[in-house]
Amino acid sequence: MTLKTVLKQAMNLSPRERSLLADELWRSVPHDETELALTPAQERDLRQRIAEDKAGRSRPQDWESVRDELRRQK
């Protein structure tokens, strides 16, 4: 079975079922730190973002706003 076949079948599921499937798939991915190691650039970016948040300089956005903005960019 190919990824394309599985995806095509998954798209026939209801939105709720697709959400549950996505969650199950994510949970099945090994989360070993060595397997998901950040690049040095990603590590610097993450540390900078954490520092900005702790200093009160971050501007968090709710998921709906981010999602809507991404959809407008398509």
PDB file of N, CA and C in Angstrom:
ATOM      1  N   MET A   1       0.854  -1.172   0.000  1.00  0.00           N
ATOM      2  CA  MET A   1       0.000   0.000   0.000  1.00  0.00           C
ATOM      3  C   MET A   1       0.900   1.234   0.000  1.00  0.00           C
ATOM      4  N   THR A   2       0.580   2.191  -0.833  1.00  0.00           N
ATOM      5  CA  THR A   2       1.385   3.405  -0.925  1.00  0.00           C
ATOM      6  C   THR A   2       0.797   4.525  -0.071  1.00  0.00           C
ATOM      7  N   LEU A   3       1.620   5.506   0.196  1.00  0.00           N
ATOM      8  CA  LEU A   3       1.159   6.678   0.948  1.00  0.00           C
ATOM      9  C   LEU A   3       0.017   7.360   0.208  1.00  0.00           C
ATOM     10  N   LYS A   4       0.143   7.443  -1.100  1.00  0.00           N
ATOM     11  CA  LYS A   4      -0.901   8.090  -1.907  1.00  0.00           C
ATOM     12  C   LYS A   4      -2.237   7.363  -1.752  1.00  0.00           C
ATOM     13  N   THR A   5      -2.212   6.040  -1.736  1.00  0.00           N
ATOM     14  CA  THR A   5      -3.430   5.246  -1.570  1.00  0.00           C
ATOM     15  C   THR A   5      -4.042   5.469  -0.191  1.00  0.00           C
ATOM     16  N   VAL A   6      -3.204   5.444   0.815  1.00  0.00           N
ATOM     17  CA  VAL A   6      -3.679   5.640   2.188  1.00  0.00           C
ATOM     18  C   VAL A   6      -4.284   7.034   2.341  1.00  0.00           C
ATOM     19  N   LEU A   7      -3.607   8.040   1.802  1.00  0.00           N
ATOM     20  CA  LEU A   7      -4.114   9.404   1.899  1.00  0.00           C
ATOM     21  C   LEU A   7      -5.459   9.543   1.196  1.00  0.00           C
ATOM     22  N   LYS A   8      -5.568   8.939   0.030  1.00  0.00           N
ATOM     23  CA  LYS A   8      -6.836   9.002  -0.709  1.00  0.00           C
ATOM     24  C   LYS A   8      -7.961   8.377   0.108  1.00  0.00           C
ATOM     25  N   GLN A   9      -7.691   7.256   0.742  1.00  0.00           N
ATOM     26  CA  GLN A   9      -8.707   6.603   1.576  1.00  0.00           C
ATOM     27  C   GLN A   9      -9.012   7.442   2.809  1.00  0.00           C
ATOM     28  N   ALA A  10      -7.986   8.023   3.404  1.00  0.00           N
ATOM     29  CA  ALA A  10      -8.184   8.824   4.616  1.00  0.00           C
ATOM     30  C   ALA A  10      -9.049  10.045   4.336  1.00  0.00           C
ATOM     31  N   MET A  11      -8.964  10.587   3.141  1.00  0.00           N
ATOM     32  CA  MET A  11      -9.754  11.772   2.804  1.00  0.00           C
ATOM     33  C   MET A  11     -11.251  11.461   2.731  1.00  0.00           C
ATOM     34  N   ASN A  12     -11.601  10.192   2.708  1.00  0.00           N
ATOM     35  CA  ASN A  12     -13.014   9.809   2.728  1.00  0.00           C
ATOM     36  C   ASN A  12     -13.583   9.776   4.148  1.00  0.00           C
ATOM     37  N   LEU A  13     -12.709   9.908   5.138  1.00  0.00           N
ATOM     38  CA  LEU A  13     -13.159   9.921   6.525  1.00  0.00           C
ATOM     39  C   LEU A  13     -13.779  11.271   6.863  1.00  0.00           C
ATOM     40  N   SER A  14     -14.552  11.289   7.925  1.00  0.00           N
ATOM     41  CA  SER A  14     -15.110  12.562   8.391  1.00  0.00           C
ATOM     42  C   SER A  14     -13.983  13.418   8.959  1.00  0.00           C
ATOM     43  N   PRO A  15     -14.202  14.722   9.077  1.00  0.00           N
ATOM     44  CA  PRO A  15     -13.166  15.576   9.669  1.00  0.00           C
ATOM     45  C   PRO A  15     -12.728  15.092  11.052  1.00  0.00           C
ATOM     46  N   ARG A  16     -13.674  14.664  11.857  1.00  0.00           N
ATOM     47  CA  ARG A  16     -13.318  14.165  13.200  1.00  0.00           C
ATOM     48  C   ARG A  16     -12.452  12.923  13.104  1.00  0.00           C
ATOM     49  N   GLU A  17     -12.825  11.999  12.212  1.00  0.00           N
ATOM     50  CA  GLU A  17     -12.042  10.775  12.058  1.00  0.00           C
ATOM     51  C   GLU A  17     -10.639  11.088  11.534  1.00  0.00           C
ATOM     52  N   ARG A  18     -10.524  12.053  10.617  1.00  0.00           N
ATOM     53  CA  ARG A  18      -9.203  12.442  10.114  1.00  0.00           C
ATOM     54  C   ARG A  18      -8.366  13.048  11.231  1.00  0.00           C
ATOM     55  N   SER A  19      -9.008  13.829  12.090  1.00  0.00           N
ATOM     56  CA  SER A  19      -8.298  14.420  13.213  1.00  0.00           C
ATOM     57  C   SER A  19      -7.780  13.333  14.155  1.00  0.00           C
ATOM     58  N   LEU A  20      -8.615  12.358  14.440  1.00  0.00           N
ATOM     59  CA  LEU A  20      -8.200  11.249  15.303  1.00  0.00           C
ATOM     60  C   LEU A  20      -7.083  10.440  14.649  1.00  0.00           C
ATOM     61  N   LEU A  21      -7.191  10.225  13.340  1.00  0.00           N
ATOM     62  CA  LEU A  21      -6.153   9.506  12.616  1.00  0.00           C
ATOM     63  C   LEU A  21      -4.832  10.258  12.682  1.00  0.00           C
ATOM     64  N   ALA A  22      -4.884  11.563  12.463  1.00  0.00           N
ATOM     65  CA  ALA A  22      -3.667  12.386  12.522  1.00  0.00           C
ATOM     66  C   ALA A  22      -3.025  12.292  13.900  1.00  0.00           C
ATOM     67  N   ASP A  23      -3.845  12.318  14.934  1.00  0.00           N
ATOM     68  CA  ASP A  23      -3.334  12.209  16.296  1.00  0.00           C
ATOM     69  C   ASP A  23      -2.672  10.854  16.509  1.00  0.00           C
ATOM     70  N   GLU A  24      -3.314   9.800  16.057  1.00  0.00           N
ATOM     71  CA  GLU A  24      -2.743   8.457  16.213  1.00  0.00           C
ATOM     72  C   GLU A  24      -1.432   8.327  15.446  1.00  0.00           C
ATOM     73  N   LEU A  25      -1.392   8.871  14.243  1.00  0.00           N
ATOM     74  CA  LEU A  25      -0.159   8.817  13.458  1.00  0.00           C
ATOM     75  C   LEU A  25       0.963   9.566  14.163  1.00  0.00           C
ATOM     76  N   TRP A  26       0.648  10.767  14.663  1.00  0.00           N
ATOM     77  CA  TRP A  26       1.658  11.558  15.360  1.00  0.00           C
ATOM     78  C   TRP A  26       2.185  10.810  16.578  1.00  0.00           C
ATOM     79  N   ARG A  27       1.284  10.188  17.317  1.00  0.00           N
ATOM     80  CA  ARG A  27       1.702   9.454  18.514  1.00  0.00           C
ATOM     81  C   ARG A  27       2.564   8.245  18.172  1.00  0.00           C
ATOM     82  N   SER A  28       2.442   7.736  16.944  1.00  0.00           N
ATOM     83  CA  SER A  28       3.215   6.560  16.551  1.00  0.00           C
ATOM     84  C   SER A  28       4.640   6.902  16.121  1.00  0.00           C
ATOM     85  N   VAL A  29       4.917   8.189  15.945  1.00  0.00           N
ATOM     86  CA  VAL A  29       6.251   8.610  15.532  1.00  0.00           C
ATOM     87  C   VAL A  29       7.171   8.589  16.747  1.00  0.00           C
ATOM     88  N   PRO A  30       8.320   7.930  16.625  1.00  0.00           N
ATOM     89  CA  PRO A  30       9.255   7.916  17.765  1.00  0.00           C
ATOM     90  C   PRO A  30       9.698   9.339  18.086  1.00  0.00           C
ATOM     91  N   HIS A  31       9.728   9.649  19.339  1.00  0.00           N
ATOM     92  CA  HIS A  31      10.131  10.988  19.759  1.00  0.00           C
ATOM     93  C   HIS A  31      11.460  10.946  20.489  1.00  0.00           C
ATOM     94  N   ASP A  32      12.350  10.138  19.968  1.00  0.00           N
ATOM     95  CA  ASP A  32      13.700  10.023  20.498  1.00  0.00           C
ATOM     96  C   ASP A  32      14.440  11.323  20.187  1.00  0.00           C
ATOM     97  N   GLU A  33      15.024  11.929  21.189  1.00  0.00           N
ATOM     98  CA  GLU A  33      15.680  13.220  21.002  1.00  0.00           C
ATOM     99  C   GLU A  33      16.759  13.176  19.926  1.00  0.00           C
ATOM    100  N   THR A  34      17.484  12.065  19.832  1.00  0.00           N
ATOM    101  CA  THR A  34      18.552  11.993  18.831  1.00  0.00           C
ATOM    102  C   THR A  34      17.969  11.903  17.434  1.00  0.00           C
ATOM    103  N   GLU A  35      16.813  11.311  17.312  1.00  0.00           N
ATOM    104  CA  GLU A  35      16.184  11.177  16.004  1.00  0.00           C
ATOM    105  C   GLU A  35      15.581  12.493  15.531  1.00  0.00           C
ATOM    106  N   LEU A  36      15.166  13.315  16.466  1.00  0.00           N
ATOM    107  CA  LEU A  36      14.528  14.580  16.129  1.00  0.00           C
ATOM    108  C   LEU A  36      15.397  15.765  16.541  1.00  0.00           C
ATOM    109  N   ALA A  37      16.701  15.596  16.483  1.00  0.00           N
ATOM    110  CA  ALA A  37      17.617  16.640  16.912  1.00  0.00           C
ATOM    111  C   ALA A  37      17.460  17.892  16.041  1.00  0.00           C
ATOM    112  N   LEU A  38      17.562  19.042  16.702  1.00  0.00           N
ATOM    113  CA  LEU A  38      17.480  20.318  15.995  1.00  0.00           C
ATOM    114  C   LEU A  38      18.829  20.635  15.354  1.00  0.00           C
ATOM    115  N   THR A  39      18.769  21.349  14.266  1.00  0.00           N
ATOM    116  CA  THR A  39      20.007  21.860  13.675  1.00  0.00           C
ATOM    117  C   THR A  39      20.505  22.992  14.567  1.00  0.00           C
ATOM    118  N   PRO A  40      21.758  23.376  14.441  1.00  0.00           N
ATOM    119  CA  PRO A  40      22.241  24.511  15.244  1.00  0.00           C
ATOM    120  C   PRO A  40      21.421  25.780  15.011  1.00  0.00           C
ATOM    121  N   ALA A  41      21.007  26.020  13.781  1.00  0.00           N
ATOM    122  CA  ALA A  41      20.200  27.215  13.485  1.00  0.00           C
ATOM    123  C   ALA A  41      18.833  27.126  14.163  1.00  0.00           C
ATOM    124  N   GLN A  42      18.227  25.944  14.146  1.00  0.00           N
ATOM    125  CA  GLN A  42      16.930  25.767  14.807  1.00  0.00           C
ATOM    126  C   GLN A  42      17.072  25.948  16.315  1.00  0.00           C
ATOM    127  N   GLU A  43      18.162  25.429  16.861  1.00  0.00           N
ATOM    128  CA  GLU A  43      18.422  25.562  18.302  1.00  0.00           C
ATOM    129  C   GLU A  43      18.560  27.040  18.685  1.00  0.00           C
ATOM    130  N   ARG A  44      19.302  27.820  17.892  1.00  0.00           N
ATOM    131  CA  ARG A  44      19.455  29.261  18.167  1.00  0.00           C
ATOM    132  C   ARG A  44      18.108  29.975  18.087  1.00  0.00           C
ATOM    133  N   ASP A  45      17.338  29.651  17.058  1.00  0.00           N
ATOM    134  CA  ASP A  45      16.033  30.283  16.879  1.00  0.00           C
ATOM    135  C   ASP A  45      15.115  29.964  18.059  1.00  0.00           C
ATOM    136  N   LEU A  46      15.111  28.722  18.475  1.00  0.00           N
ATOM    137  CA  LEU A  46      14.263  28.318  19.594  1.00  0.00           C
ATOM    138  C   LEU A  46      14.678  29.039  20.875  1.00  0.00           C
ATOM    139  N   ARG A  47      15.977  29.085  21.132  1.00  0.00           N
ATOM    140  CA  ARG A  47      16.450  29.778  22.341  1.00  0.00           C
ATOM    141  C   ARG A  47      16.097  31.267  22.308  1.00  0.00           C
ATOM    142  N   GLN A  48      16.193  31.876  21.121  1.00  0.00           N
ATOM    143  CA  GLN A  48      15.839  33.290  20.988  1.00  0.00           C
ATOM    144  C   GLN A  48      14.351  33.497  21.248  1.00  0.00           C
ATOM    145  N   ARG A  49      13.521  32.623  20.702  1.00  0.00           N
ATOM    146  CA  ARG A  49      12.074  32.748  20.903  1.00  0.00           C
ATOM    147  C   ARG A  49      11.693  32.561  22.375  1.00  0.00           C
ATOM    148  N   ILE A  50      12.340  31.613  23.035  1.00  0.00           N
ATOM    149  CA  ILE A  50      12.067  31.389  24.464  1.00  0.00           C
ATOM    150  C   ILE A  50      12.471  32.631  25.268  1.00  0.00           C
ATOM    151  N   ALA A  51      13.633  33.190  24.949  1.00  0.00           N
ATOM    152  CA  ALA A  51      14.100  34.388  25.662  1.00  0.00           C
ATOM    153  C   ALA A  51      13.148  35.559  25.444  1.00  0.00           C
ATOM    154  N   GLU A  52      12.673  35.742  24.209  1.00  0.00           N
ATOM    155  CA  GLU A  52      11.729  36.823  23.917  1.00  0.00           C
ATOM    156  C   GLU A  52      10.425  36.626  24.677  1.00  0.00           C
ATOM    157  N   ASP A  53       9.977  35.388  24.755  1.00  0.00           N
ATOM    158  CA  ASP A  53       8.736  35.109  25.483  1.00  0.00           C
ATOM    159  C   ASP A  53       8.902  35.404  26.969  1.00  0.00           C
ATOM    160  N   LYS A  54      10.016  34.956  27.540  1.00  0.00           N
ATOM    161  CA  LYS A  54      10.265  35.199  28.970  1.00  0.00           C
ATOM    162  C   LYS A  54      10.387  36.688  29.268  1.00  0.00           C
ATOM    163  N   ALA A  55      10.907  37.449  28.316  1.00  0.00           N
ATOM    164  CA  ALA A  55      11.070  38.892  28.509  1.00  0.00           C
ATOM    165  C   ALA A  55       9.795  39.660  28.201  1.00  0.00           C
ATOM    166  N   GLY A  56       8.750  38.948  27.787  1.00  0.00           N
ATOM    167  CA  GLY A  56       7.483  39.601  27.491  1.00  0.00           C
ATOM    168  C   GLY A  56       7.449  40.302  26.142  1.00  0.00           C
ATOM    169  N   ARG A  57       8.376  39.933  25.248  1.00  0.00           N
ATOM    170  CA  ARG A  57       8.437  40.582  23.942  1.00  0.00           C
ATOM    171  C   ARG A  57       7.784  39.760  22.832  1.00  0.00           C
ATOM    172  N   SER A  58       7.216  38.620  23.166  1.00  0.00           N
ATOM    173  CA  SER A  58       6.579  37.802  22.117  1.00  0.00           C
ATOM    174  C   SER A  58       5.123  38.229  21.953  1.00  0.00           C
ATOM    175  N   ARG A  59       4.599  37.960  20.775  1.00  0.00           N
ATOM    176  CA  ARG A  59       3.201  38.281  20.495  1.00  0.00           C
ATOM    177  C   ARG A  59       2.495  36.998  20.059  1.00  0.00           C
ATOM    178  N   PRO A  60       2.086  36.184  21.037  1.00  0.00           N
ATOM    179  CA  PRO A  60       1.439  34.918  20.679  1.00  0.00           C
ATOM    180  C   PRO A  60       0.136  35.142  19.914  1.00  0.00           C
ATOM    181  N   GLN A  61      -0.168  34.204  19.025  1.00  0.00           N
ATOM    182  CA  GLN A  61      -1.399  34.259  18.248  1.00  0.00           C
ATOM    183  C   GLN A  61      -2.154  32.955  18.448  1.00  0.00           C
ATOM    184  N   ASP A  62      -3.460  33.039  18.432  1.00  0.00           N
ATOM    185  CA  ASP A  62      -4.245  31.824  18.570  1.00  0.00           C
ATOM    186  C   ASP A  62      -4.209  31.065  17.244  1.00  0.00           C
ATOM    187  N   TRP A  63      -4.439  29.750  17.336  1.00  0.00           N
ATOM    188  CA  TRP A  63      -4.349  28.874  16.168  1.00  0.00           C
ATOM    189  C   TRP A  63      -5.287  29.307  15.046  1.00  0.00           C
ATOM    190  N   GLU A  64      -6.477  29.721  15.370  1.00  0.00           N
ATOM    191  CA  GLU A  64      -7.443  30.103  14.344  1.00  0.00           C
ATOM    192  C   GLU A  64      -6.903  31.256  13.488  1.00  0.00           C
ATOM    193  N   SER A  65      -6.284  32.241  14.115  1.00  0.00           N
ATOM    194  CA  SER A  65      -5.722  33.374  13.375  1.00  0.00           C
ATOM    195  C   SER A  65      -4.580  32.933  12.470  1.00  0.00           C
ATOM    196  N   VAL A  66      -3.714  32.087  12.991  1.00  0.00           N
ATOM    197  CA  VAL A  66      -2.591  31.588  12.195  1.00  0.00           C
ATOM    198  C   VAL A  66      -3.108  30.769  11.025  1.00  0.00           C
ATOM    199  N   ARG A  67      -4.036  29.870  11.286  1.00  0.00           N
ATOM    200  CA  ARG A  67      -4.608  29.022  10.234  1.00  0.00           C
ATOM    201  C   ARG A  67      -5.256  29.870   9.143  1.00  0.00           C
ATOM    202  N   ASP A  68      -6.045  30.861   9.539  1.00  0.00           N
ATOM    203  CA  ASP A  68      -6.722  31.718   8.574  1.00  0.00           C
ATOM    204  C   ASP A  68      -5.712  32.483   7.708  1.00  0.00           C
ATOM    205  N   GLU A  69      -4.640  32.968   8.340  1.00  0.00           N
ATOM    206  CA  GLU A  69      -3.600  33.678   7.586  1.00  0.00           C
ATOM    207  C   GLU A  69      -2.929  32.745   6.587  1.00  0.00           C
ATOM    208  N   LEU A  70      -2.638  31.530   6.990  1.00  0.00           N
ATOM    209  CA  LEU A  70      -2.007  30.570   6.080  1.00  0.00           C
ATOM    210  C   LEU A  70      -2.930  30.233   4.906  1.00  0.00           C
ATOM    211  N   ARG A  71      -4.203  30.118   5.180  1.00  0.00           N
ATOM    212  CA  ARG A  71      -5.155  29.822   4.116  1.00  0.00           C
ATOM    213  C   ARG A  71      -5.270  30.980   3.120  1.00  0.00           C
ATOM    214  N   ARG A  72      -5.150  32.215   3.613  1.00  0.00           N
ATOM    215  CA  ARG A  72      -5.198  33.378   2.723  1.00  0.00           C
ATOM    216  C   ARG A  72      -3.984  33.435   1.808  1.00  0.00           C
ATOM    217  N   GLN A  73      -2.874  32.868   2.245  1.00  0.00           N
ATOM    218  CA  GLN A  73      -1.645  32.892   1.461  1.00  0.00           C
ATOM    219  C   GLN A  73      -1.636  31.892   0.318  1.00  0.00           C
ATOM    220  N   LYS A  74      -2.534  30.945   0.323  1.00  0.00           N
ATOM    221  CA  LYS A  74      -2.564  29.924  -0.740  1.00  0.00           C
ATOM    222  C   LYS A  74      -2.966  30.484  -2.057  1.00  0.00           C
TER     223      LYS A  74
END
